[in-house]
Amino acid sequence: MFGKRVPGVEDPPADHRSHTGAFGESIAVKALKKDGYKILKQNHRSRLGEIDIIALEGGTLAFVEVKARRTDQFGDPKLAVTPKKQRKISMVALEYLKKTGQTDKKARFDVVAIRLSHGQPDVEIIRNAFELAY
């Protein structure tokens, strides 16, 4: 499951815990591009919340949540996308589609789960990770 390496990406220094999120997103962008995604926007913010990455893959808009973990102490990173988080992402995505006039566009929710524990990061891209939740 995990084990996909992203070339050219090294672990951040262990003492920079506050940078794990941004580092994870940079790894996710590289992995998504490698898998054929076109990145449209990063860190889309609205009054309702934030979406880490909005991308296009094969004519489908992908709203991507990135979860990076240095250890398994808090569990598998992909499990951190809770139902509450899914609802928030769904609301922001719907708002984005309305605001940009793309409500007729195919869309889905993906998750990029990253483990940063040993050497090169392990990256898992989960397409269609969850359904619209509200």
C-alpha atoms as a PDB file:
ATOM      1  CA  MET A   1       0.000   0.000   0.000  1.00  0.00           C
ATOM      2  CA  PHE A   2       2.582   2.551   1.064  1.00  0.00           C
ATOM      3  CA  GLY A   3       5.985   2.457  -0.489  1.00  0.00           C
ATOM      4  CA  LYS A   4       5.675   4.718  -3.515  1.00  0.00           C
ATOM      5  CA  ARG A   5       8.722   6.949  -3.479  1.00  0.00           C
ATOM      6  CA  VAL A   6       8.759  10.457  -4.900  1.00  0.00           C
ATOM      7  CA  PRO A   7      12.120  11.209  -6.546  1.00  0.00           C
ATOM      8  CA  GLY A   8      13.877  14.381  -5.478  1.00  0.00           C
ATOM      9  CA  VAL A   9      12.104  14.708  -2.132  1.00  0.00           C
ATOM     10  CA  GLU A  10      13.995  14.359   1.118  1.00  0.00           C
ATOM     11  CA  ASP A  11      12.779  14.381   4.713  1.00  0.00           C
ATOM     12  CA  PRO A  12      12.682  17.738   6.521  1.00  0.00           C
ATOM     13  CA  PRO A  13      14.756  18.160   9.682  1.00  0.00           C
ATOM     14  CA  ALA A  14      13.048  16.396  12.604  1.00  0.00           C
ATOM     15  CA  ASP A  15      12.977  19.568  14.740  1.00  0.00           C
ATOM     16  CA  HIS A  16      10.717  21.453  12.335  1.00  0.00           C
ATOM     17  CA  ARG A  17       7.383  19.917  13.258  1.00  0.00           C
ATOM     18  CA  SER A  18       5.495  23.063  12.271  1.00  0.00           C
ATOM     19  CA  HIS A  19       6.659  22.582   8.675  1.00  0.00           C
ATOM     20  CA  THR A  20       5.256  19.064   8.287  1.00  0.00           C
ATOM     21  CA  GLY A  21       2.004  20.267   6.686  1.00  0.00           C
ATOM     22  CA  ALA A  22       3.666  22.499   4.105  1.00  0.00           C
ATOM     23  CA  PHE A  23       6.301  19.857   3.421  1.00  0.00           C
ATOM     24  CA  GLY A  24       3.584  17.240   2.961  1.00  0.00           C
ATOM     25  CA  GLU A  25       1.751  19.464   0.507  1.00  0.00           C
ATOM     26  CA  SER A  26       4.908  19.982  -1.565  1.00  0.00           C
ATOM     27  CA  ILE A  27       5.388  16.202  -1.721  1.00  0.00           C
ATOM     28  CA  ALA A  28       1.722  15.754  -2.648  1.00  0.00           C
ATOM     29  CA  VAL A  29       1.965  18.284  -5.492  1.00  0.00           C
ATOM     30  CA  LYS A  30       4.978  16.455  -6.968  1.00  0.00           C
ATOM     31  CA  ALA A  31       3.260  13.064  -6.653  1.00  0.00           C
ATOM     32  CA  LEU A  32       0.020  14.340  -8.170  1.00  0.00           C
ATOM     33  CA  LYS A  33       1.828  15.947 -11.111  1.00  0.00           C
ATOM     34  CA  LYS A  34       3.737  12.711 -11.664  1.00  0.00           C
ATOM     35  CA  ASP A  35       0.373  10.884 -11.792  1.00  0.00           C
ATOM     36  CA  GLY A  36      -0.996  13.288 -14.427  1.00  0.00           C
ATOM     37  CA  TYR A  37      -2.878  15.822 -12.312  1.00  0.00           C
ATOM     38  CA  LYS A  38      -2.772  19.478 -13.345  1.00  0.00           C
ATOM     39  CA  ILE A  39      -2.601  21.632 -10.214  1.00  0.00           C
ATOM     40  CA  LEU A  40      -5.062  24.527 -10.432  1.00  0.00           C
ATOM     41  CA  LYS A  41      -4.845  25.976  -6.946  1.00  0.00           C
ATOM     42  CA  GLN A  42      -3.202  25.322  -3.591  1.00  0.00           C
ATOM     43  CA  ASN A  43      -4.546  26.279  -0.168  1.00  0.00           C
ATOM     44  CA  HIS A  44      -7.914  27.510  -1.409  1.00  0.00           C
ATOM     45  CA  ARG A  45      -9.487  29.387   1.492  1.00  0.00           C
ATOM     46  CA  SER A  46     -13.008  30.611   1.992  1.00  0.00           C
ATOM     47  CA  ARG A  47     -15.078  31.648   4.983  1.00  0.00           C
ATOM     48  CA  LEU A  48     -16.148  27.989   5.236  1.00  0.00           C
ATOM     49  CA  GLY A  49     -12.683  26.445   5.404  1.00  0.00           C
ATOM     50  CA  GLU A  50      -9.766  25.344   3.254  1.00  0.00           C
ATOM     51  CA  ILE A  51      -8.984  22.819   0.547  1.00  0.00           C
ATOM     52  CA  ASP A  52      -5.321  21.877   0.279  1.00  0.00           C
ATOM     53  CA  ILE A  53      -5.174  21.306  -3.488  1.00  0.00           C
ATOM     54  CA  ILE A  54      -7.609  21.727  -6.360  1.00  0.00           C
ATOM     55  CA  ALA A  55      -6.472  19.847  -9.451  1.00  0.00           C
ATOM     56  CA  LEU A  56      -7.698  18.556 -12.774  1.00  0.00           C
ATOM     57  CA  GLU A  57      -7.232  14.939 -13.796  1.00  0.00           C
ATOM     58  CA  GLY A  58      -8.692  13.643 -17.030  1.00  0.00           C
ATOM     59  CA  GLY A  59     -11.483  16.205 -17.135  1.00  0.00           C
ATOM     60  CA  THR A  60     -12.457  15.715 -13.486  1.00  0.00           C
ATOM     61  CA  LEU A  61     -11.897  18.320 -10.793  1.00  0.00           C
ATOM     62  CA  ALA A  62     -10.191  16.769  -7.782  1.00  0.00           C
ATOM     63  CA  PHE A  63     -10.464  18.416  -4.384  1.00  0.00           C
ATOM     64  CA  VAL A  64      -7.457  16.991  -2.559  1.00  0.00           C
ATOM     65  CA  GLU A  65      -6.858  16.767   1.178  1.00  0.00           C
ATOM     66  CA  VAL A  66      -3.235  16.120   2.202  1.00  0.00           C
ATOM     67  CA  LYS A  67      -2.368  14.326   5.434  1.00  0.00           C
ATOM     68  CA  ALA A  68       1.283  13.885   6.400  1.00  0.00           C
ATOM     69  CA  ARG A  69       2.578  12.125   9.496  1.00  0.00           C
ATOM     70  CA  ARG A  70       6.077  11.673  10.885  1.00  0.00           C
ATOM     71  CA  THR A  71       5.043   8.699  13.024  1.00  0.00           C
ATOM     72  CA  ASP A  72       2.125   6.319  13.386  1.00  0.00           C
ATOM     73  CA  GLN A  73       1.538   7.565  16.940  1.00  0.00           C
ATOM     74  CA  PHE A  74      -1.725   9.219  15.842  1.00  0.00           C
ATOM     75  CA  GLY A  75      -2.662   6.472  13.373  1.00  0.00           C
ATOM     76  CA  ASP A  76      -2.653   6.137   9.625  1.00  0.00           C
ATOM     77  CA  PRO A  77      -2.634   9.594   7.977  1.00  0.00           C
ATOM     78  CA  LYS A  78      -5.552   8.780   5.667  1.00  0.00           C
ATOM     79  CA  LEU A  79      -7.769   8.040   8.675  1.00  0.00           C
ATOM     80  CA  ALA A  80      -7.350  11.649   9.817  1.00  0.00           C
ATOM     81  CA  VAL A  81      -9.875  12.724   7.172  1.00  0.00           C
ATOM     82  CA  THR A  82     -12.805  12.316   9.533  1.00  0.00           C
ATOM     83  CA  PRO A  83     -16.489  12.651   8.617  1.00  0.00           C
ATOM     84  CA  LYS A  84     -16.421  16.159  10.119  1.00  0.00           C
ATOM     85  CA  LYS A  85     -13.446  17.096   7.915  1.00  0.00           C
ATOM     86  CA  GLN A  86     -15.193  15.541   4.894  1.00  0.00           C
ATOM     87  CA  ARG A  87     -18.260  17.741   5.490  1.00  0.00           C
ATOM     88  CA  LYS A  88     -16.104  20.862   5.726  1.00  0.00           C
ATOM     89  CA  ILE A  89     -14.196  20.012   2.530  1.00  0.00           C
ATOM     90  CA  SER A  90     -17.516  19.257   0.780  1.00  0.00           C
ATOM     91  CA  MET A  91     -18.958  22.636   1.730  1.00  0.00           C
ATOM     92  CA  VAL A  92     -15.866  24.499   0.525  1.00  0.00           C
ATOM     93  CA  ALA A  93     -15.837  22.484  -2.711  1.00  0.00           C
ATOM     94  CA  LEU A  94     -19.516  23.240  -3.417  1.00  0.00           C
ATOM     95  CA  GLU A  95     -18.892  26.920  -2.752  1.00  0.00           C
ATOM     96  CA  TYR A  96     -15.885  26.846  -5.112  1.00  0.00           C
ATOM     97  CA  LEU A  97     -17.900  25.154  -7.885  1.00  0.00           C
ATOM     98  CA  LYS A  98     -20.692  27.711  -7.576  1.00  0.00           C
ATOM     99  CA  LYS A  99     -18.334  30.687  -7.388  1.00  0.00           C
ATOM    100  CA  THR A 100     -16.370  29.553 -10.458  1.00  0.00           C
ATOM    101  CA  GLY A 101     -19.458  28.518 -12.464  1.00  0.00           C
ATOM    102  CA  GLN A 102     -18.417  24.874 -12.656  1.00  0.00           C
ATOM    103  CA  THR A 103     -21.381  23.163 -11.004  1.00  0.00           C
ATOM    104  CA  ASP A 104     -21.835  21.025 -14.135  1.00  0.00           C
ATOM    105  CA  LYS A 105     -18.219  19.749 -13.968  1.00  0.00           C
ATOM    106  CA  LYS A 106     -17.368  16.216 -12.816  1.00  0.00           C
ATOM    107  CA  ALA A 107     -15.716  16.401  -9.408  1.00  0.00           C
ATOM    108  CA  ARG A 108     -14.425  14.070  -6.724  1.00  0.00           C
ATOM    109  CA  PHE A 109     -12.578  14.083  -3.402  1.00  0.00           C
ATOM    110  CA  ASP A 110      -9.083  12.611  -3.207  1.00  0.00           C
ATOM    111  CA  VAL A 111      -6.725  12.171  -0.273  1.00  0.00           C
ATOM    112  CA  VAL A 112      -2.940  12.068  -0.369  1.00  0.00           C
ATOM    113  CA  ALA A 113      -1.588  10.228   2.683  1.00  0.00           C
ATOM    114  CA  ILE A 114       2.133  10.668   3.380  1.00  0.00           C
ATOM    115  CA  ARG A 115       4.384   8.935   5.892  1.00  0.00           C
ATOM    116  CA  LEU A 116       7.606  10.810   6.592  1.00  0.00           C
ATOM    117  CA  SER A 117       9.188   8.396   9.071  1.00  0.00           C
ATOM    118  CA  HIS A 118      12.158   6.791   7.263  1.00  0.00           C
ATOM    119  CA  GLY A 119      14.229   8.138   4.380  1.00  0.00           C
ATOM    120  CA  GLN A 120      12.138   9.004   1.351  1.00  0.00           C
ATOM    121  CA  PRO A 121       8.448   9.699   2.050  1.00  0.00           C
ATOM    122  CA  ASP A 122       5.846   7.015   1.360  1.00  0.00           C
ATOM    123  CA  VAL A 123       2.960   8.488  -0.631  1.00  0.00           C
ATOM    124  CA  GLU A 124      -0.485   7.044  -1.272  1.00  0.00           C
ATOM    125  CA  ILE A 125      -2.949   8.812  -3.584  1.00  0.00           C
ATOM    126  CA  ILE A 126      -6.514   7.737  -2.840  1.00  0.00           C
ATOM    127  CA  ARG A 127      -8.843   8.713  -5.660  1.00  0.00           C
ATOM    128  CA  ASN A 128     -12.508   9.151  -4.837  1.00  0.00           C
ATOM    129  CA  ALA A 129     -11.659   8.781  -1.140  1.00  0.00           C
ATOM    130  CA  PHE A 130     -15.093   9.917   0.032  1.00  0.00           C
ATOM    131  CA  GLU A 131     -18.451  11.053  -1.278  1.00  0.00           C
ATOM    132  CA  LEU A 132     -19.980  14.509  -0.996  1.00  0.00           C
ATOM    133  CA  ALA A 133     -20.904  14.996   2.661  1.00  0.00           C
ATOM    134  CA  TYR A 134     -23.086  17.743   4.125  1.00  0.00           C
END
